[in-house]
């Protein structure tokens, strides 16, 4: 009788250890699943941004093609239209960069000094 009880105790101890190991495994898998969900959200967000940028590029190319077609009909050279378009794009880029720099300056210098 004593041997049977000891055997049950050993089996019970093994089952408890196995239960703890399984709980640890579940916790690790849950953490991994959480990390994968975060990565999926990040990738989805990046994909949305990329799709928007691709659409903007497609719109820009279509606008340029349309402008070149109209300009060709008026007798202007394609080179003139491309140079004009690149000049406009450069001006827009410079304005955006300048706006960003002013915003950074304002946030880091003006706001910082008004709150201290």
Protein backbone atom coordinates (compact mmCIF):
# COMPACT_ATOMS: atom_id res chain seq x y z
CA UNK A 1 0.00 0.00 0.00
CA UNK A 2 2.81 2.33 0.88
CA UNK A 3 4.47 1.70 -2.50
CA UNK A 4 1.28 2.63 -4.33
CA UNK A 5 1.02 5.87 -2.34
CA UNK A 6 4.65 6.73 -3.02
CA UNK A 7 4.14 6.01 -6.72
CA UNK A 8 1.08 8.29 -6.77
CA UNK A 9 3.06 11.02 -5.04
CA UNK A 10 5.85 10.70 -7.63
CA UNK A 11 3.32 10.79 -10.47
CA UNK A 12 1.57 13.78 -8.89
CA UNK A 13 4.89 15.60 -8.56
CA UNK A 14 5.71 14.85 -12.22
CA UNK A 15 2.29 16.10 -13.30
CA UNK A 16 2.76 19.33 -11.32
CA UNK A 17 6.18 19.87 -12.91
CA UNK A 18 4.75 19.19 -16.35
CA UNK A 19 1.91 21.63 -15.62
CA UNK A 20 4.43 24.34 -14.62
CA UNK A 21 6.44 23.69 -17.78
CA UNK A 22 3.31 23.96 -19.91
CA UNK A 23 2.29 27.19 -18.16
CA UNK A 24 5.75 28.63 -18.80
CA UNK A 25 5.52 27.58 -22.44
CA UNK A 26 2.09 29.19 -22.76
CA UNK A 27 3.42 32.45 -21.27
CA UNK A 28 6.34 32.47 -23.73
CA UNK A 29 4.04 31.73 -26.68
CA UNK A 30 1.63 34.46 -25.57
CA UNK A 31 4.50 36.95 -25.42
CA UNK A 32 5.69 35.90 -28.88
CA UNK A 33 2.16 36.23 -30.28
CA UNK A 34 1.96 39.74 -28.79
CA UNK A 35 5.26 40.68 -30.44
CA UNK A 36 4.07 39.28 -33.77
CA UNK A 37 0.84 41.28 -33.50
CA UNK A 38 2.85 44.47 -32.90
CA UNK A 39 5.09 43.72 -35.88
CA UNK A 40 2.04 43.04 -38.05
CA UNK A 41 0.50 46.37 -37.05
CA UNK A 42 3.76 48.14 -37.84
CA UNK A 43 4.09 46.43 -41.22
CA UNK A 44 0.45 47.21 -42.03
CA UNK A 45 1.01 50.85 -41.15
CA UNK A 46 4.18 50.99 -43.26
CA UNK A 47 2.31 49.31 -46.12
CA UNK A 48 -0.45 51.93 -45.94
CA UNK A 49 2.12 54.73 -46.06
CA UNK A 50 3.86 53.05 -49.00
CA UNK A 51 0.58 52.65 -50.87
CA UNK A 52 -0.21 56.35 -50.32
CA UNK A 53 3.24 57.35 -51.57
CA UNK A 54 2.85 55.10 -54.61
CA UNK A 55 -0.52 56.69 -55.38
CA UNK A 56 0.97 60.18 -55.03
CA UNK A 57 3.78 59.21 -57.39
CA UNK A 58 1.29 57.76 -59.89
CA UNK A 59 -0.81 60.93 -59.70
CA UNK A 60 2.29 63.06 -60.24
CA UNK A 61 3.37 61.02 -63.26
CA UNK A 62 -0.14 61.18 -64.72
CA UNK A 63 -0.25 64.94 -64.18
CA UNK A 64 3.14 65.30 -65.84
CA UNK A 65 2.03 63.21 -68.82
CA UNK A 66 -1.13 65.30 -69.11
CA UNK A 67 0.88 68.53 -68.90
CA UNK A 68 3.34 67.31 -71.54
CA UNK A 69 0.47 66.35 -73.82
CA UNK A 70 -1.15 69.76 -73.44
CA UNK A 71 2.17 71.53 -73.90
CA UNK A 72 2.95 69.53 -77.04
CA UNK A 73 -0.41 70.57 -78.44
CA UNK A 74 0.54 74.23 -77.81
CA UNK A 75 3.90 73.70 -79.49
CA UNK A 76 6.08 73.82 -76.38
CA UNK A 77 8.99 71.41 -76.14
CA UNK A 78 8.87 68.46 -73.79
CA UNK A 79 12.21 69.53 -72.32
CA UNK A 80 10.79 72.94 -71.34
CA UNK A 81 7.86 71.28 -69.60
CA UNK A 82 10.10 68.85 -67.71
CA UNK A 83 12.46 71.62 -66.59
CA UNK A 84 9.51 73.73 -65.46
CA UNK A 85 8.01 70.76 -63.58
CA UNK A 86 11.31 69.96 -61.86
CA UNK A 87 11.73 73.62 -60.91
CA UNK A 88 8.25 73.67 -59.37
CA UNK A 89 8.93 70.42 -57.51
CA UNK A 90 12.18 71.86 -56.15
CA UNK A 91 10.44 75.04 -54.96
CA UNK A 92 7.74 72.98 -53.24
CA UNK A 93 10.37 70.74 -51.62
CA UNK A 94 12.35 73.76 -50.38
CA UNK A 95 9.19 75.35 -48.95
CA UNK A 96 8.26 72.12 -47.15
CA UNK A 97 11.78 71.79 -45.76
CA UNK A 98 11.77 75.41 -44.64
CA UNK A 99 8.36 74.95 -43.00
CA UNK A 100 9.64 71.86 -41.19
CA UNK A 101 12.75 73.68 -39.98
CA UNK A 102 10.66 76.59 -38.69
CA UNK A 103 8.37 74.14 -36.92
CA UNK A 104 11.32 72.36 -35.29
CA UNK A 105 12.83 75.70 -34.29
CA UNK A 106 9.53 76.79 -32.78
CA UNK A 107 8.98 73.54 -30.88
CA UNK A 108 12.48 73.24 -29.47
CA UNK A 109 13.42 76.85 -28.85
CA UNK A 110 10.40 79.11 -28.61
CA UNK A 111 8.05 76.76 -26.75
CA UNK A 112 10.86 75.46 -24.52
CA UNK A 113 11.85 78.95 -23.38
CA UNK A 114 8.27 80.10 -22.79
CA UNK A 115 7.60 77.21 -20.40
CA UNK A 116 10.76 77.52 -18.35
